[in-house]
């Protein structure tokens, strides 16, 4: 792989994870942080320098924006940062999920990218877990998923106390749970029709607390989902094939139940990169830096999927 210049916007824990991968890929990286404190924390974790002051100051000082950029900032800042990068010449941007806080922000960003000839990809790193790749290979061998079931329960007792910007917790399903939902549809196909139901409310997520639904994908698979943020549970995806049931729970692992059996057995996976770096991040970043960006979620795909997420969450259709 050729050496790339990459601008990494953000200096928090996610940016640290990206820097470690970029360093392993021999990329030349400039890091932009907002505060002196976050820049210092980044330097302590990586031994690399992060420029404080944010992207706006970097651009005002005449900083150069290379073709490749990775944006790892708060959800409320994602769209504005990516838009500024496009305006200053970035042509390929890996944007942390979900890409924006609202659908209108995301659609405007997609239009701006199209006008400037830039490509934006949404960083759903679970697509690149070793477990996902192994599951995909088995799914392909059997001609595709017959049905898919997934759960995206979130731990409300933990999330309630997290310090987040206004509006972020209220849209937590899109901001966080879509990691699971995207993965399920990545393995089973995009939804073409479905029914969705929600119930309850939480102080920090008034739209809904309990979720259930079912539908059909463009690959002919049926899918069901459920989650209860007011109860116990965890993330998980199950894919039913003619000869076996595949289980990703936790998502970093893969188990299978063969036809006629009840006990799950572990499926061997090549997860060396997932153990050396944040799971999925090495392969995702390598795909981003490659010519074809295979497996990545394009911003066009994310715009098309946004109404689905709104329906699952019980958010307004124009949110």
Protein backbone atom coordinates (compact mmCIF):
# COMPACT_ATOMS: atom_id res chain seq x y z
CA UNK A 1 0.00 0.00 0.00
CA UNK A 2 1.39 3.45 -0.89
CA UNK A 3 2.07 5.95 1.88
CA UNK A 4 -0.76 8.44 2.43
CA UNK A 5 -0.98 11.85 4.05
CA UNK A 6 -3.96 11.84 6.42
CA UNK A 7 -5.50 14.65 8.46
CA UNK A 8 -6.99 13.23 11.66
CA UNK A 9 -9.51 15.62 13.21
CA UNK A 10 -10.10 14.82 16.86
CA UNK A 11 -7.78 13.98 19.73
CA UNK A 12 -9.98 11.90 22.03
CA UNK A 13 -9.87 8.13 22.67
CA UNK A 14 -11.22 7.27 19.21
CA UNK A 15 -8.57 9.44 17.57
CA UNK A 16 -5.91 7.64 19.60
CA UNK A 17 -7.18 4.34 18.21
CA UNK A 18 -7.08 5.70 14.66
CA UNK A 19 -3.58 7.08 15.12
CA UNK A 20 -2.28 3.69 16.24
CA UNK A 21 -3.70 2.07 13.11
CA UNK A 22 -2.45 4.83 10.80
CA UNK A 23 0.99 4.58 12.35
CA UNK A 24 1.00 0.82 11.72
CA UNK A 25 0.00 1.51 8.10
CA UNK A 26 2.93 3.97 7.77
CA UNK A 27 0.65 6.92 7.01
CA UNK A 28 1.88 10.48 7.55
CA UNK A 29 -0.61 11.94 10.00
CA UNK A 30 -1.44 15.46 11.16
CA UNK A 31 -3.70 15.51 14.22
CA UNK A 32 -6.03 18.38 15.09
CA UNK A 33 -7.52 18.62 18.58
CA UNK A 34 -9.73 21.24 20.19
CA UNK A 35 -8.35 21.90 23.67
CA UNK A 36 -4.85 21.97 25.10
CA UNK A 37 -5.94 19.32 27.60
CA UNK A 38 -7.12 16.84 24.96
CA UNK A 39 -4.01 17.46 22.87
CA UNK A 40 -1.84 16.75 25.90
CA UNK A 41 -3.76 13.56 26.68
CA UNK A 42 -3.38 12.45 23.06
CA UNK A 43 0.37 13.11 23.16
CA UNK A 44 0.72 11.14 26.39
CA UNK A 45 -1.11 8.16 24.86
CA UNK A 46 0.66 8.13 21.49
CA UNK A 47 3.88 10.11 21.75
CA UNK A 48 2.63 12.15 18.78
CA UNK A 49 1.73 15.83 18.64
CA UNK A 50 -1.85 17.06 18.27
CA UNK A 51 -2.40 20.70 17.33
CA UNK A 52 -4.83 22.38 19.72
CA UNK A 53 -7.35 24.99 18.65
CA UNK A 54 -9.63 22.92 16.44
CA UNK A 55 -10.03 22.67 12.69
CA UNK A 56 -11.21 26.27 12.31
CA UNK A 57 -7.97 27.63 13.74
CA UNK A 58 -5.91 25.14 11.71
CA UNK A 59 -7.54 26.34 8.50
CA UNK A 60 -7.26 30.01 9.48
CA UNK A 61 -3.53 29.51 10.02
CA UNK A 62 -3.19 28.16 6.49
CA UNK A 63 -3.00 24.48 7.40
CA UNK A 64 -2.95 22.10 4.44
CA UNK A 65 -5.82 19.66 3.98
CA UNK A 66 -4.67 16.49 2.18
CA UNK A 67 -6.86 14.28 0.02
CA UNK A 68 -7.56 11.85 2.90
CA UNK A 69 -9.10 12.88 6.23
CA UNK A 70 -10.56 11.01 9.18
CA UNK A 71 -13.08 12.76 11.43
CA UNK A 72 -13.35 11.47 15.01
CA UNK A 73 -15.16 14.24 16.89
CA UNK A 74 -18.45 14.43 18.81
CA UNK A 75 -21.60 13.52 16.89
CA UNK A 76 -22.86 17.09 17.05
CA UNK A 77 -19.72 18.29 15.19
CA UNK A 78 -19.37 15.57 12.55
CA UNK A 79 -21.25 17.19 9.68
CA UNK A 80 -19.79 20.68 10.12
CA UNK A 81 -16.21 19.39 10.34
CA UNK A 82 -16.63 17.17 7.27
CA UNK A 83 -18.19 20.06 5.36
CA UNK A 84 -15.25 22.33 6.17
CA UNK A 85 -12.81 19.67 5.03
CA UNK A 86 -14.63 19.30 1.71
CA UNK A 87 -14.55 23.07 1.22
CA UNK A 88 -10.77 23.00 1.68
CA UNK A 89 -10.01 20.20 -0.74
CA UNK A 90 -10.46 16.85 1.02
CA UNK A 91 -11.59 14.20 -1.45
CA UNK A 92 -11.91 11.10 0.74
CA UNK A 93 -13.28 11.36 4.27
CA UNK A 94 -13.81 8.58 6.81
CA UNK A 95 -16.47 10.04 9.07
CA UNK A 96 -17.28 8.51 12.43
CA UNK A 97 -20.76 7.07 12.73
CA UNK A 98 -23.48 8.08 12.26
CA UNK A 99 -22.14 10.97 10.15
CA UNK A 100 -24.47 13.65 11.53
CA UNK A 101 -26.95 14.31 14.30
CA UNK A 102 -29.94 14.80 11.97
CA UNK A 103 -31.01 13.55 8.58
CA UNK A 104 -31.07 17.06 7.12
CA UNK A 105 -27.44 17.59 8.15
CA UNK A 106 -26.45 14.32 6.54
CA UNK A 107 -28.33 15.02 3.30
CA UNK A 108 -26.78 18.48 3.01
CA UNK A 109 -23.33 17.02 3.58
CA UNK A 110 -23.91 14.35 0.93
CA UNK A 111 -24.97 17.02 -1.57
CA UNK A 112 -21.88 19.11 -0.78
CA UNK A 113 -19.62 16.10 -1.25
CA UNK A 114 -21.23 15.28 -4.58
CA UNK A 115 -20.83 18.87 -5.78
CA UNK A 116 -17.13 18.85 -4.91
CA UNK A 117 -16.41 15.35 -6.21
CA UNK A 118 -15.57 14.07 -2.72
CA UNK A 119 -16.34 10.64 -1.27
CA UNK A 120 -17.46 10.24 2.33
CA UNK A 121 -17.64 6.92 4.16
CA UNK A 122 -19.35 6.28 7.50
CA UNK A 123 -17.13 4.40 9.95
CA UNK A 124 -19.10 1.32 10.97
CA UNK A 125 -16.05 -0.66 12.06
CA UNK A 126 -18.05 -3.75 13.05
CA UNK A 127 -18.35 -4.51 9.32
CA UNK A 128 -14.63 -5.28 9.48
CA UNK A 129 -14.47 -7.49 12.56
CA UNK A 130 -12.79 -10.81 11.90
CA UNK A 131 -16.02 -12.41 13.14
CA UNK A 132 -18.01 -10.50 10.52
CA UNK A 133 -15.67 -11.51 7.71
CA UNK A 134 -15.85 -15.16 8.76
CA UNK A 135 -19.64 -15.00 9.01
CA UNK A 136 -19.88 -13.37 5.59
CA UNK A 137 -17.80 -16.14 4.04
CA UNK A 138 -20.10 -18.80 5.51
CA UNK A 139 -23.19 -16.88 4.41
CA UNK A 140 -21.86 -16.62 0.86
CA UNK A 141 -21.07 -20.34 0.80
CA UNK A 142 -24.71 -21.14 1.52
CA UNK A 143 -26.20 -18.67 -0.94
CA UNK A 144 -27.13 -15.91 1.48
CA UNK A 145 -28.95 -15.50 4.77
CA UNK A 146 -32.42 -17.05 5.06
CA UNK A 147 -33.32 -14.98 8.10
CA UNK A 148 -31.66 -12.60 10.55
CA UNK A 149 -32.43 -11.67 14.16
CA UNK A 150 -30.72 -8.90 16.07
CA UNK A 151 -30.83 -7.13 19.42
CA UNK A 152 -29.56 -3.65 20.22
CA UNK A 153 -30.32 -3.31 23.93
CA UNK A 154 -28.46 -0.38 25.52
CA UNK A 155 -27.54 -0.07 29.19
CA UNK A 156 -29.66 2.85 30.33
CA UNK A 157 -28.21 2.85 33.84
CA UNK A 158 -24.80 3.63 32.33
CA UNK A 159 -25.85 6.00 29.53
CA UNK A 160 -28.00 8.19 31.78
CA UNK A 161 -24.93 9.58 33.55
CA UNK A 162 -22.72 10.13 30.50
CA UNK A 163 -21.81 13.75 29.73
CA UNK A 164 -22.98 14.40 26.17
CA UNK A 165 -23.86 17.45 24.09
CA UNK A 166 -27.50 18.51 23.83
CA UNK A 167 -29.52 16.25 21.58
CA UNK A 168 -27.06 13.35 21.46
CA UNK A 169 -28.70 11.06 24.03
CA UNK A 170 -32.14 11.86 22.63
CA UNK A 171 -30.95 10.31 19.34
CA UNK A 172 -28.95 7.48 20.87
CA UNK A 173 -30.33 4.79 18.60
CA UNK A 174 -28.91 6.49 15.53
CA UNK A 175 -25.76 7.64 17.30
CA UNK A 176 -24.85 4.28 18.83
CA UNK A 177 -27.25 1.37 18.26
CA UNK A 178 -26.87 1.61 14.49
CA UNK A 179 -23.57 -0.22 14.93
CA UNK A 180 -25.66 -3.37 15.42
CA UNK A 181 -28.45 -2.52 12.99
CA UNK A 182 -26.02 -1.65 10.21
CA UNK A 183 -24.17 -4.92 10.79
CA UNK A 184 -27.37 -6.98 10.61
CA UNK A 185 -28.40 -5.40 7.32
CA UNK A 186 -24.82 -5.63 6.01
CA UNK A 187 -24.97 -9.40 6.50
CA UNK A 188 -28.60 -9.98 5.54
CA UNK A 189 -29.42 -7.26 3.04
CA UNK A 190 -31.06 -3.84 3.08
CA UNK A 191 -34.65 -3.67 4.38
CA UNK A 192 -37.31 -3.27 1.69
CA UNK A 193 -40.39 -3.60 3.88
CA UNK A 194 -40.92 -3.88 7.62
CA UNK A 195 -43.21 -3.15 10.53
CA UNK A 196 -41.87 -1.44 13.63
CA UNK A 197 -43.19 -0.94 17.14
CA UNK A 198 -41.98 1.07 20.11
CA UNK A 199 -43.14 1.52 23.69
CA UNK A 200 -42.13 3.35 26.84
CA UNK A 201 -39.75 6.23 27.39
CA UNK A 202 -36.63 7.11 29.35
CA UNK A 203 -35.69 10.43 30.88
CA UNK A 204 -32.73 10.68 28.52
CA UNK A 205 -34.48 9.06 25.53
CA UNK A 206 -38.12 10.20 25.55
CA UNK A 207 -38.97 8.80 22.10
CA UNK A 208 -38.90 5.16 23.15
CA UNK A 209 -37.47 2.50 25.46
CA UNK A 210 -38.68 -0.80 24.00
CA UNK A 211 -38.35 -1.78 20.34
CA UNK A 212 -39.59 -4.65 18.17
CA UNK A 213 -40.10 -5.21 14.48
CA UNK A 214 -39.86 -7.51 11.49
CA UNK A 215 -39.49 -7.32 7.75
CA UNK A 216 -37.83 -8.49 4.53
CA UNK A 217 -34.53 -7.51 2.90
CA UNK A 218 -33.56 -6.98 -0.73
CA UNK A 219 -31.82 -10.37 -0.65
CA UNK A 220 -35.01 -12.18 0.31
CA UNK A 221 -34.12 -12.74 3.96
CA UNK A 222 -36.68 -12.16 6.68
CA UNK A 223 -35.52 -10.27 9.75
CA UNK A 224 -36.70 -9.62 13.27
CA UNK A 225 -35.33 -7.35 15.96
CA UNK A 226 -35.98 -6.40 19.55
CA UNK A 227 -34.38 -4.32 22.27
CA UNK A 228 -35.42 -3.16 25.72
CA UNK A 229 -33.43 -0.27 27.14
CA UNK A 230 -35.40 -0.48 30.39
CA UNK A 231 -34.28 -4.06 31.03
CA UNK A 232 -31.22 -6.27 30.73
CA UNK A 233 -29.61 -7.43 27.52
CA UNK A 234 -26.76 -6.91 25.09
CA UNK A 235 -25.97 -6.42 21.42
CA UNK A 236 -26.18 -9.46 19.18
CA UNK A 237 -26.82 -10.67 15.63
CA UNK A 238 -27.92 -14.14 14.54
CA UNK A 239 -28.00 -15.34 10.93
CA UNK A 240 -29.93 -18.46 9.95
CA UNK A 241 -28.54 -20.59 7.09
CA UNK A 242 -29.70 -23.95 5.69
CA UNK A 243 -27.01 -25.88 7.58
CA UNK A 244 -26.45 -23.77 10.69
CA UNK A 245 -27.24 -20.75 12.83
CA UNK A 246 -24.46 -18.16 13.14
CA UNK A 247 -24.26 -16.19 16.40
CA UNK A 248 -22.32 -12.97 16.90
CA UNK A 249 -22.77 -12.26 20.61
CA UNK A 250 -20.58 -10.51 21.54
CA UNK A 251 -20.06 -9.11 18.06
CA UNK A 252 -16.31 -9.76 18.19
CA UNK A 253 -16.88 -13.53 18.35
CA UNK A 254 -18.53 -16.09 16.07
CA UNK A 255 -20.33 -19.25 17.14
CA UNK A 256 -22.43 -21.70 15.15
CA UNK A 257 -25.19 -24.17 15.95
CA UNK A 258 -25.17 -26.94 13.30
CA UNK A 259 -28.49 -28.25 12.00
CA UNK A 260 -29.81 -30.95 14.34
CA UNK A 261 -27.78 -29.73 17.32
CA UNK A 262 -28.54 -27.41 20.22
CA UNK A 263 -25.08 -26.54 21.52
CA UNK A 264 -23.15 -23.66 19.98
CA UNK A 265 -19.56 -24.26 18.92
CA UNK A 266 -16.89 -21.63 18.44
CA UNK A 267 -15.92 -20.82 14.85
CA UNK A 268 -12.19 -20.10 14.43
CA UNK A 269 -11.47 -16.57 13.22
CA UNK A 270 -8.29 -14.72 12.30
CA UNK A 271 -8.62 -11.88 14.80
CA UNK A 272 -4.98 -10.86 15.27
CA UNK A 273 -5.67 -7.31 14.05
CA UNK A 274 -8.75 -7.07 16.28
CA UNK A 275 -6.63 -7.92 19.30
CA UNK A 276 -3.75 -5.61 18.38
CA UNK A 277 -6.03 -2.62 17.64
CA UNK A 278 -9.60 -1.56 18.34
CA UNK A 279 -11.63 -4.37 16.74
CA UNK A 280 -12.37 -3.74 13.07
CA UNK A 281 -10.41 -0.51 12.90
CA UNK A 282 -7.30 -1.80 11.13
CA UNK A 283 -9.17 -3.40 8.23
CA UNK A 284 -11.62 -0.50 8.02
CA UNK A 285 -8.86 2.10 7.81
CA UNK A 286 -6.91 0.03 5.30
CA UNK A 287 -10.05 -0.23 3.14
CA UNK A 288 -10.52 3.54 3.37
CA UNK A 289 -6.97 4.16 2.17
CA UNK A 290 -7.30 1.66 -0.68
CA UNK A 291 -8.64 2.50 -4.12
CA UNK A 292 -11.96 0.64 -3.98
CA UNK A 293 -12.96 1.13 -0.31
CA UNK A 294 -14.67 -2.28 -0.38
CA UNK A 295 -17.08 -2.95 2.47
CA UNK A 296 -17.34 0.64 3.67
CA UNK A 297 -20.68 2.38 4.20
CA UNK A 298 -20.97 5.28 1.75
CA UNK A 299 -22.74 8.46 2.77
CA UNK A 300 -25.29 7.72 0.02
CA UNK A 301 -26.09 4.40 1.71
CA UNK A 302 -26.37 6.14 5.07
CA UNK A 303 -28.77 8.78 3.70
CA UNK A 304 -30.96 6.01 2.29
CA UNK A 305 -30.90 4.10 5.59
CA UNK A 306 -31.69 7.12 7.82
CA UNK A 307 -35.52 6.88 7.49
CA UNK A 308 -35.29 3.21 8.50
CA UNK A 309 -33.42 4.16 11.66
CA UNK A 310 -35.99 6.85 12.44
CA UNK A 311 -38.82 4.32 12.13
CA UNK A 312 -37.09 1.76 14.33
CA UNK A 313 -36.42 4.41 16.99
CA UNK A 314 -39.81 6.09 16.84
CA UNK A 315 -38.25 9.42 15.89
CA UNK A 316 -40.08 11.91 13.66
CA UNK A 317 -39.75 11.07 9.97
CA UNK A 318 -37.90 14.32 9.29
CA UNK A 319 -35.44 13.95 12.20
